[in-house]
Amino acid sequence: MCWYDEGAVVPDSDFSTVNGNIRIEERAQVKSVTTVNGNIVLAPEAQTSKVQTVNGRFELGPKARVSGSVKLVNGNVSLSPGSEVGGSVETVNGAIAAQGQPSTATSPTTAAACSSRTRAS
């Protein structure tokens, strides 16, 4: 499991794991986050440019931000109030929940996607 301390700023670094989880703590900034068989959590006010995971879930905390896209296969997306995604939000075989309202993919090969600028309020 990877943990990045509260307030850490490493905007030029890509973080990735295989068979492990990643948690970016409050106000920390990283370039991108990728996992295979792991979960990703961005704590409140954390920032990254891109999130990708296969066989894992993604949680975006209050006032946290992904400036680019969020893409998952076999995983759910949870957007907290005040969080922001600047690009698309997509999942195959998963659900997208913003403000507590889930949106489930319609078939195993169809992605559920939100419009290009998604902000939970």
C-alpha atoms as a PDB file:
ATOM      1  CA  MET A   1       0.000   0.000   0.000  1.00  0.00           C
ATOM      2  CA  CYS A   2       1.250   3.486  -0.851  1.00  0.00           C
ATOM      3  CA  TRP A   3       0.528   6.506   1.321  1.00  0.00           C
ATOM      4  CA  TYR A   4       1.538  10.053   0.469  1.00  0.00           C
ATOM      5  CA  ASP A   5       1.690  12.434   3.389  1.00  0.00           C
ATOM      6  CA  GLU A   6      -0.627  15.332   4.026  1.00  0.00           C
ATOM      7  CA  GLY A   7       0.501  18.377   2.079  1.00  0.00           C
ATOM      8  CA  ALA A   8       3.188  16.534   0.048  1.00  0.00           C
ATOM      9  CA  VAL A   9       3.746  18.113  -3.370  1.00  0.00           C
ATOM     10  CA  VAL A  10       5.277  15.921  -6.084  1.00  0.00           C
ATOM     11  CA  PRO A  11       3.484  17.165  -9.236  1.00  0.00           C
ATOM     12  CA  ASP A  12       5.938  15.573 -11.705  1.00  0.00           C
ATOM     13  CA  SER A  13       5.664  12.040 -10.288  1.00  0.00           C
ATOM     14  CA  ASP A  14       3.453   9.181 -11.504  1.00  0.00           C
ATOM     15  CA  PHE A  15       2.419   6.710  -8.793  1.00  0.00           C
ATOM     16  CA  SER A  16       1.429   3.136  -9.594  1.00  0.00           C
ATOM     17  CA  THR A  17       0.952  -0.229  -7.889  1.00  0.00           C
ATOM     18  CA  VAL A  18       0.091  -3.791  -8.825  1.00  0.00           C
ATOM     19  CA  ASN A  19      -1.891  -5.668  -6.144  1.00  0.00           C
ATOM     20  CA  GLY A  20      -1.830  -2.696  -3.790  1.00  0.00           C
ATOM     21  CA  ASN A  21      -3.801   0.376  -2.739  1.00  0.00           C
ATOM     22  CA  ILE A  22      -2.870   4.052  -3.040  1.00  0.00           C
ATOM     23  CA  ARG A  23      -4.050   6.829  -0.718  1.00  0.00           C
ATOM     24  CA  ILE A  24      -3.132  10.449  -1.392  1.00  0.00           C
ATOM     25  CA  GLU A  25      -3.545  12.367   1.869  1.00  0.00           C
ATOM     26  CA  GLU A  26      -5.126  15.793   2.416  1.00  0.00           C
ATOM     27  CA  ARG A  27      -3.739  18.631   0.266  1.00  0.00           C
ATOM     28  CA  ALA A  28      -1.115  16.364  -1.351  1.00  0.00           C
ATOM     29  CA  GLN A  29      -0.450  16.742  -5.103  1.00  0.00           C
ATOM     30  CA  VAL A  30       0.796  14.055  -7.498  1.00  0.00           C
ATOM     31  CA  LYS A  31       0.939  13.851 -11.304  1.00  0.00           C
ATOM     32  CA  SER A  32      -1.089  10.646 -11.863  1.00  0.00           C
ATOM     33  CA  VAL A  33      -2.260   7.546 -10.007  1.00  0.00           C
ATOM     34  CA  THR A  34      -2.623   4.034 -11.503  1.00  0.00           C
ATOM     35  CA  THR A  35      -3.351   0.619  -9.958  1.00  0.00           C
ATOM     36  CA  VAL A  36      -4.056  -2.930 -11.057  1.00  0.00           C
ATOM     37  CA  ASN A  37      -5.949  -4.903  -8.395  1.00  0.00           C
ATOM     38  CA  GLY A  38      -5.996  -2.016  -5.952  1.00  0.00           C
ATOM     39  CA  ASN A  39      -8.078   0.900  -4.710  1.00  0.00           C
ATOM     40  CA  ILE A  40      -7.307   4.616  -5.006  1.00  0.00           C
ATOM     41  CA  VAL A  41      -8.396   7.252  -2.475  1.00  0.00           C
ATOM     42  CA  LEU A  42      -7.807  10.985  -2.806  1.00  0.00           C
ATOM     43  CA  ALA A  43      -8.396  12.558   0.601  1.00  0.00           C
ATOM     44  CA  PRO A  44      -9.987  16.024   0.948  1.00  0.00           C
ATOM     45  CA  GLU A  45      -8.270  18.722  -1.141  1.00  0.00           C
ATOM     46  CA  ALA A  46      -5.792  16.244  -2.716  1.00  0.00           C
ATOM     47  CA  GLN A  47      -4.985  16.722  -6.415  1.00  0.00           C
ATOM     48  CA  THR A  48      -3.854  14.688  -9.418  1.00  0.00           C
ATOM     49  CA  SER A  49      -4.151  14.922 -13.186  1.00  0.00           C
ATOM     50  CA  LYS A  50      -5.288  11.378 -14.027  1.00  0.00           C
ATOM     51  CA  VAL A  51      -6.682   8.258 -12.296  1.00  0.00           C
ATOM     52  CA  GLN A  52      -6.767   4.738 -13.777  1.00  0.00           C
ATOM     53  CA  THR A  53      -7.462   1.398 -12.138  1.00  0.00           C
ATOM     54  CA  VAL A  54      -8.371  -2.135 -13.134  1.00  0.00           C
ATOM     55  CA  ASN A  55     -10.146  -4.246 -10.499  1.00  0.00           C
ATOM     56  CA  GLY A  56     -10.346  -1.495  -7.897  1.00  0.00           C
ATOM     57  CA  ARG A  57     -12.506   1.368  -6.680  1.00  0.00           C
ATOM     58  CA  PHE A  58     -11.843   5.109  -6.667  1.00  0.00           C
ATOM     59  CA  GLU A  59     -12.945   7.595  -3.998  1.00  0.00           C
ATOM     60  CA  LEU A  60     -12.599  11.347  -4.514  1.00  0.00           C
ATOM     61  CA  GLY A  61     -12.814  13.188  -1.202  1.00  0.00           C
ATOM     62  CA  PRO A  62     -14.447  16.559  -0.490  1.00  0.00           C
ATOM     63  CA  LYS A  63     -12.821  19.416  -2.425  1.00  0.00           C
ATOM     64  CA  ALA A  64     -10.362  16.964  -4.019  1.00  0.00           C
ATOM     65  CA  ARG A  65      -9.592  17.408  -7.721  1.00  0.00           C
ATOM     66  CA  VAL A  66      -8.652  15.337 -10.754  1.00  0.00           C
ATOM     67  CA  SER A  67      -7.773  17.793 -13.526  1.00  0.00           C
ATOM     68  CA  GLY A  68      -8.026  15.137 -16.265  1.00  0.00           C
ATOM     69  CA  SER A  69      -9.911  11.869 -16.627  1.00  0.00           C
ATOM     70  CA  VAL A  70     -10.950   9.012 -14.331  1.00  0.00           C
ATOM     71  CA  LYS A  71     -11.045   5.552 -15.974  1.00  0.00           C
ATOM     72  CA  LEU A  72     -11.856   2.259 -14.250  1.00  0.00           C
ATOM     73  CA  VAL A  73     -12.484  -1.324 -15.309  1.00  0.00           C
ATOM     74  CA  ASN A  74     -14.332  -3.527 -12.794  1.00  0.00           C
ATOM     75  CA  GLY A  75     -14.640  -0.815 -10.191  1.00  0.00           C
ATOM     76  CA  ASN A  76     -16.893   1.849  -8.714  1.00  0.00           C
ATOM     77  CA  VAL A  77     -16.359   5.612  -8.602  1.00  0.00           C
ATOM     78  CA  SER A  78     -17.482   7.728  -5.637  1.00  0.00           C
ATOM     79  CA  LEU A  79     -17.432  11.538  -5.927  1.00  0.00           C
ATOM     80  CA  SER A  80     -17.798  13.465  -2.665  1.00  0.00           C
ATOM     81  CA  PRO A  81     -19.539  16.830  -2.352  1.00  0.00           C
ATOM     82  CA  GLY A  82     -17.305  19.643  -3.591  1.00  0.00           C
ATOM     83  CA  SER A  83     -14.982  17.318  -5.511  1.00  0.00           C
ATOM     84  CA  GLU A  84     -14.106  18.070  -9.135  1.00  0.00           C
ATOM     85  CA  VAL A  85     -13.094  16.103 -12.244  1.00  0.00           C
ATOM     86  CA  GLY A  86     -11.925  18.142 -15.248  1.00  0.00           C
ATOM     87  CA  GLY A  87     -12.226  15.324 -17.814  1.00  0.00           C
ATOM     88  CA  SER A  88     -14.404  12.289 -18.336  1.00  0.00           C
ATOM     89  CA  VAL A  89     -15.433   9.792 -15.656  1.00  0.00           C
ATOM     90  CA  GLU A  90     -15.753   6.245 -17.037  1.00  0.00           C
ATOM     91  CA  THR A  91     -16.163   2.759 -15.632  1.00  0.00           C
ATOM     92  CA  VAL A  92     -16.762  -0.621 -17.239  1.00  0.00           C
ATOM     93  CA  ASN A  93     -18.560  -3.121 -14.963  1.00  0.00           C
ATOM     94  CA  GLY A  94     -18.983  -0.546 -12.221  1.00  0.00           C
ATOM     95  CA  ALA A  95     -21.061   2.334 -10.898  1.00  0.00           C
ATOM     96  CA  ILE A  96     -20.529   6.081 -10.635  1.00  0.00           C
ATOM     97  CA  ALA A  97     -21.972   7.808  -7.568  1.00  0.00           C
ATOM     98  CA  ALA A  98     -22.027  11.585  -7.196  1.00  0.00           C
ATOM     99  CA  GLN A  99     -23.972  13.218  -4.375  1.00  0.00           C
ATOM    100  CA  GLY A 100     -25.206   9.750  -3.396  1.00  0.00           C
ATOM    101  CA  GLN A 101     -26.922   9.061  -6.738  1.00  0.00           C
ATOM    102  CA  PRO A 102     -25.485   5.896  -8.379  1.00  0.00           C
ATOM    103  CA  SER A 103     -25.329   5.436 -12.133  1.00  0.00           C
ATOM    104  CA  THR A 104     -24.656   1.826 -13.114  1.00  0.00           C
ATOM    105  CA  ALA A 105     -23.113   0.671 -16.391  1.00  0.00           C
ATOM    106  CA  THR A 106     -25.788  -0.852 -18.617  1.00  0.00           C
ATOM    107  CA  SER A 107     -23.811  -3.919 -19.720  1.00  0.00           C
ATOM    108  CA  PRO A 108     -20.413  -5.518 -19.061  1.00  0.00           C
ATOM    109  CA  THR A 109     -18.943  -3.930 -22.196  1.00  0.00           C
ATOM    110  CA  THR A 110     -20.589  -0.508 -21.938  1.00  0.00           C
ATOM    111  CA  ALA A 111     -18.993   2.275 -19.947  1.00  0.00           C
ATOM    112  CA  ALA A 112     -21.023   4.595 -17.760  1.00  0.00           C
ATOM    113  CA  ALA A 113     -19.642   8.071 -18.291  1.00  0.00           C
ATOM    114  CA  CYS A 114     -20.293  11.580 -16.990  1.00  0.00           C
ATOM    115  CA  SER A 115     -19.888  14.680 -19.123  1.00  0.00           C
ATOM    116  CA  SER A 116     -16.477  16.244 -19.557  1.00  0.00           C
ATOM    117  CA  ARG A 117     -16.507  18.556 -16.526  1.00  0.00           C
ATOM    118  CA  THR A 118     -17.956  16.844 -13.489  1.00  0.00           C
ATOM    119  CA  ARG A 119     -18.322  18.600 -10.150  1.00  0.00           C
ATOM    120  CA  ALA A 120     -20.083  17.073  -7.152  1.00  0.00           C
ATOM    121  CA  SER A 121     -21.914  19.596  -4.992  1.00  0.00           C
END
